[in-house]
Protein backbone atom coordinates (compact mmCIF):
# COMPACT_ATOMS: atom_id res chain seq x y z
CA MET A 1 -9.25 37.05 -4.36
CA GLY A 2 -12.30 38.40 -2.59
CA LYS A 3 -14.60 37.13 -5.34
CA ILE A 4 -13.01 33.67 -5.19
CA ALA A 5 -13.44 33.61 -1.42
CA GLU A 6 -17.10 34.54 -1.83
CA GLU A 7 -17.59 31.77 -4.39
CA ILE A 8 -16.00 29.22 -2.07
CA LYS A 9 -18.12 30.46 0.83
CA SER A 10 -21.27 30.26 -1.28
CA TYR A 11 -20.36 26.74 -2.44
CA LEU A 12 -19.70 25.47 1.08
CA LYS A 13 -22.94 27.02 2.30
CA LYS A 14 -24.83 24.88 -0.21
CA THR A 15 -23.03 21.66 0.77
CA ASP A 16 -22.49 19.67 3.96
CA THR A 17 -19.47 21.45 5.45
CA VAL A 18 -19.21 19.03 8.37
CA LEU A 19 -18.95 16.12 5.94
CA TRP A 20 -16.20 17.91 4.01
CA ILE A 21 -14.28 18.65 7.23
CA PHE A 22 -14.40 15.11 8.58
CA THR A 23 -13.51 13.68 5.17
CA ALA A 24 -10.43 15.90 5.21
CA ILE A 25 -9.61 14.83 8.78
CA ALA A 26 -9.88 11.16 7.76
CA ILE A 27 -7.53 11.78 4.85
CA ILE A 28 -4.95 13.54 7.04
CA TYR A 29 -5.09 10.72 9.59
CA SER A 30 -4.69 8.13 6.83
CA LEU A 31 -1.60 9.91 5.47
CA LEU A 32 -0.03 9.81 8.95
CA LEU A 33 -0.64 6.07 9.19
CA ILE A 34 0.65 5.36 5.68
CA SER A 35 3.77 7.49 6.18
CA ASP A 36 4.36 5.56 9.41
CA MET A 37 4.12 2.08 7.89
CA GLN A 38 6.38 2.99 4.97
CA ARG A 39 9.30 2.21 7.28
CA ALA A 40 8.54 -1.46 6.60
CA GLY A 41 9.29 -1.37 2.86
CA ASN A 42 10.66 0.45 -0.14
CA TYR A 43 7.48 1.15 -2.11
CA ASN A 44 6.31 4.76 -1.87
CA TYR A 45 2.69 4.23 -0.81
CA LEU A 46 2.52 7.81 0.46
CA PHE A 47 3.14 9.31 -2.99
CA THR A 48 0.51 7.12 -4.64
CA GLN A 49 -2.01 7.84 -1.89
CA SER A 50 -1.35 11.60 -1.97
CA LEU A 51 -1.79 11.71 -5.74
CA ALA A 52 -5.05 9.75 -5.51
CA ILE A 53 -6.30 12.08 -2.76
CA ILE A 54 -5.60 15.19 -4.83
CA VAL A 55 -7.38 13.69 -7.84
CA GLY A 56 -10.12 12.46 -5.50
CA PHE A 57 -10.87 15.90 -4.06
CA ILE A 58 -11.01 17.40 -7.54
CA ALA A 59 -13.29 14.57 -8.73
CA ALA A 60 -15.50 14.95 -5.64
CA TRP A 61 -15.89 18.67 -6.29
CA LEU A 62 -16.68 18.12 -9.98
CA VAL A 63 -19.25 15.44 -9.16
CA SER A 64 -20.81 17.66 -6.48
CA ILE A 65 -21.58 20.46 -8.95
CA ILE A 66 -23.11 18.06 -11.50
CA ASN A 67 -26.82 17.73 -10.83
CA TYR A 68 -27.49 14.29 -9.34
CA LYS A 69 -30.82 14.19 -11.19
CA PHE A 70 -28.94 14.53 -14.46
CA MET A 71 -26.72 11.59 -13.52
CA VAL A 72 -29.66 9.39 -12.52
CA LYS A 73 -31.64 10.24 -15.62
CA HIS A 74 -28.66 9.11 -17.70
CA TRP A 75 -28.41 5.86 -15.77
CA LEU A 76 -27.84 3.86 -18.95
CA VAL A 77 -24.45 5.54 -19.44
CA PHE A 78 -23.36 4.40 -15.98
CA ALA A 79 -24.72 0.90 -16.63
CA LEU A 80 -22.62 0.66 -19.78
CA ILE A 81 -19.56 1.97 -17.92
CA ALA A 82 -20.04 -0.69 -15.23
CA VAL A 83 -20.40 -3.50 -17.75
CA GLY A 84 -17.41 -2.18 -19.67
CA LEU A 85 -15.27 -2.12 -16.52
CA ALA A 86 -16.28 -5.69 -15.70
CA GLY A 87 -15.53 -6.77 -19.25
CA MET A 88 -12.06 -5.20 -19.13
CA VAL A 89 -11.18 -7.39 -16.16
CA PHE A 90 -11.96 -10.56 -18.13
CA VAL A 91 -9.65 -9.39 -20.91
CA PHE A 92 -6.87 -7.52 -19.08
CA GLY A 93 -7.37 -8.68 -15.48
CA VAL A 94 -4.34 -9.47 -13.32
CA ARG A 95 -3.72 -10.69 -9.80
CA VAL A 96 -1.70 -8.27 -7.68
CA SER A 97 0.46 -9.08 -4.68
CA GLY A 98 -1.51 -9.66 -1.48
CA THR A 99 -4.77 -10.62 -3.23
CA ASP A 100 -6.33 -13.93 -4.22
CA ASP A 101 -8.52 -12.70 -7.07
CA THR A 102 -8.09 -11.58 -10.67
CA ALA A 103 -9.98 -8.33 -10.27
CA TRP A 104 -7.34 -5.75 -11.12
CA ILE A 105 -6.18 -4.10 -14.32
CA ARG A 106 -2.55 -3.09 -14.80
CA LEU A 107 -2.02 0.17 -16.67
CA PRO A 108 1.20 1.35 -18.37
CA GLY A 109 3.78 2.32 -15.78
CA GLY A 110 2.83 -0.50 -13.42
CA ILE A 111 -0.23 1.31 -12.03
CA THR A 112 -3.12 -0.98 -11.09
CA PHE A 113 -6.75 -0.19 -10.41
CA GLN A 114 -9.74 -2.23 -9.26
CA PRO A 115 -12.81 -1.68 -11.50
CA SER A 116 -15.25 -3.05 -8.90
CA GLU A 117 -14.67 0.08 -6.77
CA PHE A 118 -16.09 2.28 -9.53
CA MET A 119 -18.76 -0.29 -10.36
CA LYS A 120 -20.20 0.28 -6.88
CA LEU A 121 -20.75 3.95 -7.69
CA CYS A 122 -22.33 3.12 -11.04
CA PHE A 123 -24.56 0.58 -9.31
CA ILE A 124 -25.77 3.14 -6.76
CA ILE A 125 -26.83 5.46 -9.59
CA THR A 126 -28.53 2.80 -11.74
CA PHE A 127 -30.21 1.18 -8.73
CA THR A 128 -31.47 4.60 -7.65
CA ARG A 129 -33.23 5.02 -10.98
CA HIS A 130 -34.66 1.50 -10.79
CA LEU A 131 -36.06 1.99 -7.28
CA ALA A 132 -37.46 5.42 -8.14
CA PHE A 133 -39.19 4.00 -11.23
CA LEU A 134 -40.84 1.24 -9.17
CA LYS A 135 -41.89 3.74 -6.49
CA GLU A 136 -43.37 6.11 -9.04
CA ASN A 137 -45.40 3.28 -10.59
CA GLU A 138 -46.37 1.77 -7.20
CA LYS A 139 -44.64 -1.54 -8.01
CA ILE A 140 -42.01 -1.52 -5.28
CA GLY A 141 -43.88 -4.27 -3.42
CA SER A 142 -44.95 -6.37 -6.40
CA VAL A 143 -43.39 -9.74 -7.14
CA LEU A 144 -42.30 -8.66 -10.63
CA GLY A 145 -40.84 -5.46 -9.23
CA VAL A 146 -38.77 -7.30 -6.63
CA LEU A 147 -37.66 -9.90 -9.19
CA SER A 148 -36.46 -7.09 -11.47
CA LEU A 149 -34.42 -5.71 -8.57
CA LEU A 150 -32.90 -9.14 -7.96
CA VAL A 151 -31.85 -9.33 -11.61
CA HIS A 152 -30.35 -5.84 -11.37
CA VAL A 153 -28.32 -6.82 -8.29
CA GLY A 154 -27.46 -10.23 -9.68
CA ILE A 155 -25.69 -8.97 -12.82
CA PRO A 156 -22.74 -7.20 -11.07
CA ILE A 157 -22.61 -9.85 -8.34
CA VAL A 158 -22.20 -12.71 -10.84
CA LEU A 159 -19.61 -10.80 -12.88
CA ILE A 160 -17.54 -9.93 -9.81
CA HIS A 161 -17.89 -13.40 -8.27
CA ILE A 162 -16.45 -14.94 -11.43
CA GLN A 163 -13.46 -12.63 -11.02
CA GLY A 164 -13.01 -14.01 -7.50
CA ASP A 165 -13.63 -10.76 -5.62
CA ASP A 166 -16.25 -12.04 -3.16
CA GLY A 167 -15.50 -9.21 -0.75
CA ALA A 168 -16.89 -6.75 -3.29
CA VAL A 169 -19.87 -9.08 -3.82
CA LEU A 170 -20.73 -8.75 -0.14
CA ILE A 171 -20.62 -4.94 -0.35
CA PHE A 172 -22.98 -4.96 -3.36
CA LEU A 173 -25.40 -7.10 -1.35
CA PHE A 174 -25.31 -4.70 1.60
CA ILE A 175 -25.88 -1.70 -0.66
CA ALA A 176 -28.84 -3.42 -2.34
CA ILE A 177 -30.40 -4.54 0.95
CA VAL A 178 -30.18 -1.10 2.56
CA MET A 179 -31.43 0.76 -0.51
CA THR A 180 -34.37 -1.61 -1.09
CA PHE A 181 -35.32 -1.61 2.59
CA LEU A 182 -35.35 2.18 2.81
CA ALA A 183 -37.22 2.35 -0.51
CA GLY A 184 -40.07 0.41 1.05
CA VAL A 185 -39.70 -3.16 -0.23
CA PRO A 186 -41.99 -5.22 2.07
CA ALA A 187 -40.37 -7.16 4.93
CA ARG A 188 -41.77 -10.50 3.70
CA TYR A 189 -39.28 -10.54 0.85
CA TYR A 190 -36.34 -10.25 3.27
CA ALA A 191 -37.81 -13.10 5.32
CA ILE A 192 -38.04 -15.24 2.18
CA LEU A 193 -34.48 -14.30 1.21
CA GLY A 194 -33.22 -15.12 4.70
CA GLY A 195 -34.95 -18.50 4.59
CA MET A 196 -33.47 -19.29 1.19
CA ILE A 197 -29.97 -18.41 2.41
CA ALA A 198 -30.39 -20.58 5.51
CA VAL A 199 -31.55 -23.53 3.44
CA GLY A 200 -28.81 -22.98 0.87
CA LEU A 201 -25.92 -22.73 3.35
CA PRO A 202 -24.78 -26.34 2.78
CA VAL A 203 -24.71 -25.73 -0.98
CA LEU A 204 -22.88 -22.44 -0.46
CA TRP A 205 -20.30 -24.11 1.80
CA ASN A 206 -19.64 -27.17 -0.37
CA ILE A 207 -19.94 -25.75 -3.88
CA PHE A 208 -19.49 -21.98 -4.02
CA LEU A 209 -16.80 -21.64 -1.36
CA ASN A 210 -13.35 -22.96 -2.23
CA ASN A 211 -10.90 -24.48 0.26
CA GLU A 212 -9.30 -21.13 1.00
CA HIS A 213 -12.64 -19.51 1.82
CA ARG A 214 -13.60 -22.36 4.12
CA ASN A 215 -10.23 -22.31 5.88
CA ARG A 216 -10.48 -18.59 6.51
CA ILE A 217 -13.83 -19.14 8.25
CA LEU A 218 -12.56 -22.12 10.23
CA ALA A 219 -9.52 -20.12 11.33
CA LEU A 220 -11.82 -17.95 13.46
CA PHE A 221 -12.52 -20.96 15.67
CA ASP A 222 -9.08 -22.61 15.57
CA LEU A 223 -7.01 -20.19 17.62
CA ASP A 224 -4.42 -22.75 18.69
CA GLY A 225 -3.76 -24.31 15.30
CA ASN A 226 -4.72 -22.67 12.03
CA ALA A 227 -4.57 -19.14 13.39
CA MET A 228 -0.92 -19.52 14.37
CA THR A 229 0.27 -21.19 11.19
CA ASN A 230 -1.66 -20.27 8.07
CA TYR A 231 -5.04 -18.70 7.36
CA GLY A 232 -5.43 -17.06 10.75
CA TRP A 233 -1.89 -15.71 10.97
CA GLN A 234 -2.71 -12.23 9.67
CA GLN A 235 -5.58 -11.71 12.10
CA TYR A 236 -3.61 -13.06 15.03
CA GLN A 237 -0.68 -10.74 14.37
CA GLY A 238 -3.07 -7.85 13.77
CA LYS A 239 -4.64 -8.28 17.19
CA MET A 240 -1.19 -8.54 18.75
CA SER A 241 -0.20 -5.21 17.17
CA ILE A 242 -3.35 -3.49 18.42
CA ALA A 243 -2.86 -4.93 21.90
CA SER A 244 0.78 -3.80 21.96
CA GLY A 245 -0.35 -0.17 21.63
CA GLN A 246 -2.27 -0.34 24.91
CA LEU A 247 -3.95 2.97 25.83
CA TYR A 248 -1.82 5.64 24.16
CA GLY A 249 0.33 3.67 21.71
CA ALA A 250 4.06 3.64 21.01
CA GLY A 251 3.89 6.98 19.22
CA LEU A 252 4.21 7.91 15.55
CA TYR A 253 7.18 6.15 13.87
CA ASN A 254 7.98 4.23 17.06
CA GLY A 255 6.05 0.97 16.66
CA ARG A 256 8.47 -1.89 16.14
CA ARG A 257 5.89 -4.31 14.73
CA VAL A 258 4.91 -1.73 12.13
CA GLU A 259 8.57 -1.10 11.27
CA TYR A 260 9.28 -4.78 10.65
CA GLY A 261 6.06 -5.34 8.72
CA ILE A 262 4.94 -8.21 10.95
CA VAL A 263 1.28 -7.82 9.96
CA PRO A 264 0.78 -8.71 6.26
CA GLU A 265 -0.93 -6.02 4.18
CA GLN A 266 -0.77 -3.52 7.04
CA GLU A 267 -0.87 -0.66 4.54
CA ASN A 268 -4.12 -1.89 3.04
CA ASP A 269 -6.80 -4.06 4.66
CA PHE A 270 -5.04 -4.00 8.05
CA ILE A 271 -4.25 -0.27 8.35
CA PHE A 272 -6.30 -0.25 11.58
CA THR A 273 -3.50 -2.23 13.26
CA VAL A 274 -1.08 0.63 12.56
CA ALA A 275 -3.41 3.05 14.35
CA GLY A 276 -3.68 0.62 17.26
CA GLU A 277 0.06 0.15 17.70
CA GLU A 278 1.14 3.75 17.16
CA PHE A 279 -1.76 5.61 18.81
CA GLY A 280 -3.23 2.93 21.08
CA PHE A 281 -6.83 2.55 22.15
CA ILE A 282 -7.29 6.33 22.01
CA GLY A 283 -6.13 6.43 18.39
CA CYS A 284 -8.50 3.59 17.46
CA ILE A 285 -11.44 5.38 19.07
CA ILE A 286 -10.59 8.61 17.24
CA LEU A 287 -10.42 6.75 13.92
CA LEU A 288 -13.76 5.06 14.51
CA THR A 289 -15.32 8.35 15.62
CA ILE A 290 -14.21 10.06 12.41
CA LEU A 291 -15.77 7.30 10.32
CA ALA A 292 -18.91 7.30 12.47
CA VAL A 293 -19.41 11.04 11.92
CA ILE A 294 -18.97 10.64 8.15
CA ILE A 295 -21.47 7.77 8.07
CA ILE A 296 -23.99 9.63 10.23
CA ARG A 297 -23.70 12.80 8.15
CA VAL A 298 -24.40 10.82 4.96
CA LEU A 299 -27.45 9.27 6.62
CA ILE A 300 -28.67 12.68 7.80
CA ASN A 301 -28.33 13.98 4.24
CA ALA A 302 -30.42 11.03 3.07
CA LYS A 303 -33.10 11.99 5.57
CA ASN A 304 -33.01 15.64 4.50
CA ALA A 305 -33.08 14.92 0.76
CA TYR A 306 -36.11 16.40 -0.99
CA ASP A 307 -36.70 13.66 -3.55
CA SER A 308 -36.30 9.92 -3.98
CA TYR A 309 -33.25 10.27 -6.22
CA GLY A 310 -31.37 12.15 -3.54
CA ARG A 311 -32.49 9.84 -0.72
CA PHE A 312 -31.54 6.66 -2.58
CA ILE A 313 -28.12 7.98 -3.62
CA CYS A 314 -27.27 8.98 -0.05
CA CYS A 315 -28.58 5.66 1.28
CA GLY A 316 -26.40 3.78 -1.21
CA VAL A 317 -23.28 5.72 -0.18
CA PHE A 318 -24.18 5.21 3.49
CA ALA A 319 -24.49 1.46 2.97
CA MET A 320 -21.19 1.28 1.08
CA ILE A 321 -19.12 3.18 3.65
CA ALA A 322 -20.83 1.64 6.70
CA SER A 323 -20.60 -1.96 5.48
CA GLN A 324 -16.95 -1.63 4.48
CA THR A 325 -16.11 -0.10 7.85
CA ILE A 326 -17.90 -2.80 9.83
CA ILE A 327 -16.48 -5.67 7.77
CA ASN A 328 -12.92 -4.31 7.78
CA ILE A 329 -12.84 -3.73 11.54
CA GLY A 330 -14.44 -7.15 12.05
CA MET A 331 -11.71 -8.74 9.92
CA VAL A 332 -8.94 -7.06 11.87
CA LEU A 333 -10.45 -8.01 15.24
CA GLY A 334 -10.90 -11.62 14.14
CA VAL A 335 -14.68 -11.83 14.27
CA ILE A 336 -15.15 -11.91 10.46
CA PRO A 337 -13.05 -13.90 7.96
CA VAL A 338 -10.47 -11.99 5.91
CA ILE A 339 -12.21 -11.15 2.63
CA GLY A 340 -10.15 -8.25 1.30
CA ILE A 341 -12.26 -5.23 2.24
CA THR A 342 -10.45 -1.90 2.62
CA LEU A 343 -11.09 0.57 5.45
CA PRO A 344 -12.80 3.58 3.83
CA PHE A 345 -10.56 6.68 3.46
CA PHE A 346 -7.74 5.07 5.48
CA SER A 347 -6.45 2.04 3.58
CA SER A 348 -3.68 2.57 1.07
CA GLY A 349 -4.86 2.20 -2.51
CA GLY A 350 -5.57 4.82 -5.13
CA THR A 351 -8.71 3.15 -6.47
CA SER A 352 -10.23 2.77 -3.01
CA VAL A 353 -9.68 6.34 -1.85
CA LEU A 354 -10.69 7.77 -5.24
CA SER A 355 -14.01 5.89 -5.22
CA MET A 356 -14.67 7.00 -1.64
CA MET A 357 -14.02 10.63 -2.51
CA ILE A 358 -16.34 10.40 -5.52
CA SER A 359 -19.02 8.87 -3.28
CA ILE A 360 -18.74 11.91 -1.00
CA GLY A 361 -19.09 14.05 -4.12
CA LEU A 362 -22.34 12.24 -4.94
CA VAL A 363 -23.75 13.05 -1.50
CA GLN A 364 -22.62 16.66 -1.80
CA SER A 365 -24.26 16.83 -5.24
CA VAL A 366 -27.59 16.05 -3.60
CA MET A 367 -27.11 18.84 -1.06
CA TYR A 368 -25.59 21.40 -3.45
CA ASN A 369 -28.10 21.04 -6.27
CA GLN A 370 -31.10 20.96 -3.95
CA GLU A 371 -29.96 24.27 -2.47
CA LYS A 372 -29.50 25.69 -5.97
CA ASP A 373 -33.00 24.53 -6.94
CA MET A 374 -34.41 26.21 -3.83
CA ASP A 375 -32.58 29.45 -4.67
CA ARG A 376 -33.97 29.36 -8.22
CA ALA A 377 -37.48 28.72 -6.87
CA LYS A 378 -37.19 31.71 -4.53
CA ILE A 379 -36.03 33.92 -7.40
CA ARG A 380 -38.95 32.76 -9.57
CA LEU A 381 -41.44 33.38 -6.77
CA GLY A 382 -39.96 36.80 -6.17
CA SER A 383 -40.21 37.67 -9.85
CA GLN A 384 -43.81 36.49 -10.01
CA SER A 385 -44.71 38.56 -6.93
CA ARG A 386 -43.16 41.71 -8.40
CA ALA A 387 -44.92 41.08 -11.72
CA LYS A 388 -48.30 40.93 -9.94
CA ILE A 389 -47.58 44.17 -8.15
């Protein structure tokens, strides 16, 4: 037992312990919220979530001990996995209850998973290699270099857009923008991109957005009509639930709106409303603080990374978690249209929590393997010094 304890201590010393602790706190909080909202239905979300969390922690640990450089150098494997996952959706894709896209795959036993969640992780790894290659060859600011990045980003975006999962498309865009910006892509390209988007807004509105997308946006400005009847109903009821919690909330298992399932999809995209009703403003602040610490720790690890591979991986994970948090909270508060983005670590859904845990494992891999490399370097230097003596 003593040897095992020493191994665990040594492992934690080489990783970001604070990140592990707050990830665990987020998971515990999420289980409280999910167990609370289960009063509204018969499906055992808590069992599914608990199973995914156990698998997620094991996967995160396994990923953390695999050298991130090894993963990046074998980027082609992850590219093939991503394309394979996207292809499976076109063949076996289904639409699950509460969604408006065909971006899920149903496995034997009725289990469903969303391939785009794992495609994000594959994308972070392949995009890391692409950015590092351009940096190494001093082409990060060249027109051809930027065009190659656009093609790289465009492939998963087009595949996922065809499936109808435009929420995931938005997350891919945020990941790409943050990673390219921190990699040193010149600002003029973002200005050009912004100008193209501004000019193309009418085309986007009239051609690429369907009636449901447009109505969800219009619902944000139609509080007396649409919001009370159709596309804005979920957000309106979500805000009512949060407001009903006031400062301290009704208390765990006491919220009546949670019990009667008044807010649609409260176990998933709108889990924040459960925290608001049961734990009030204080509970919401605690939840946001937990996520803020996780996001900041990932960003700090990006800053402390010793090489471009490590920095880009951490930046990609930072962008993924931060963008999903901001968009999800914005959806719930009615300042962003509902686009089906889960709240990291908190929303019910095995695929979502599993991908988030693996992303934490990627960040820990950067920390763990850098520490191991430093230890090996110290041993080599010590051996060389003794040999000279």
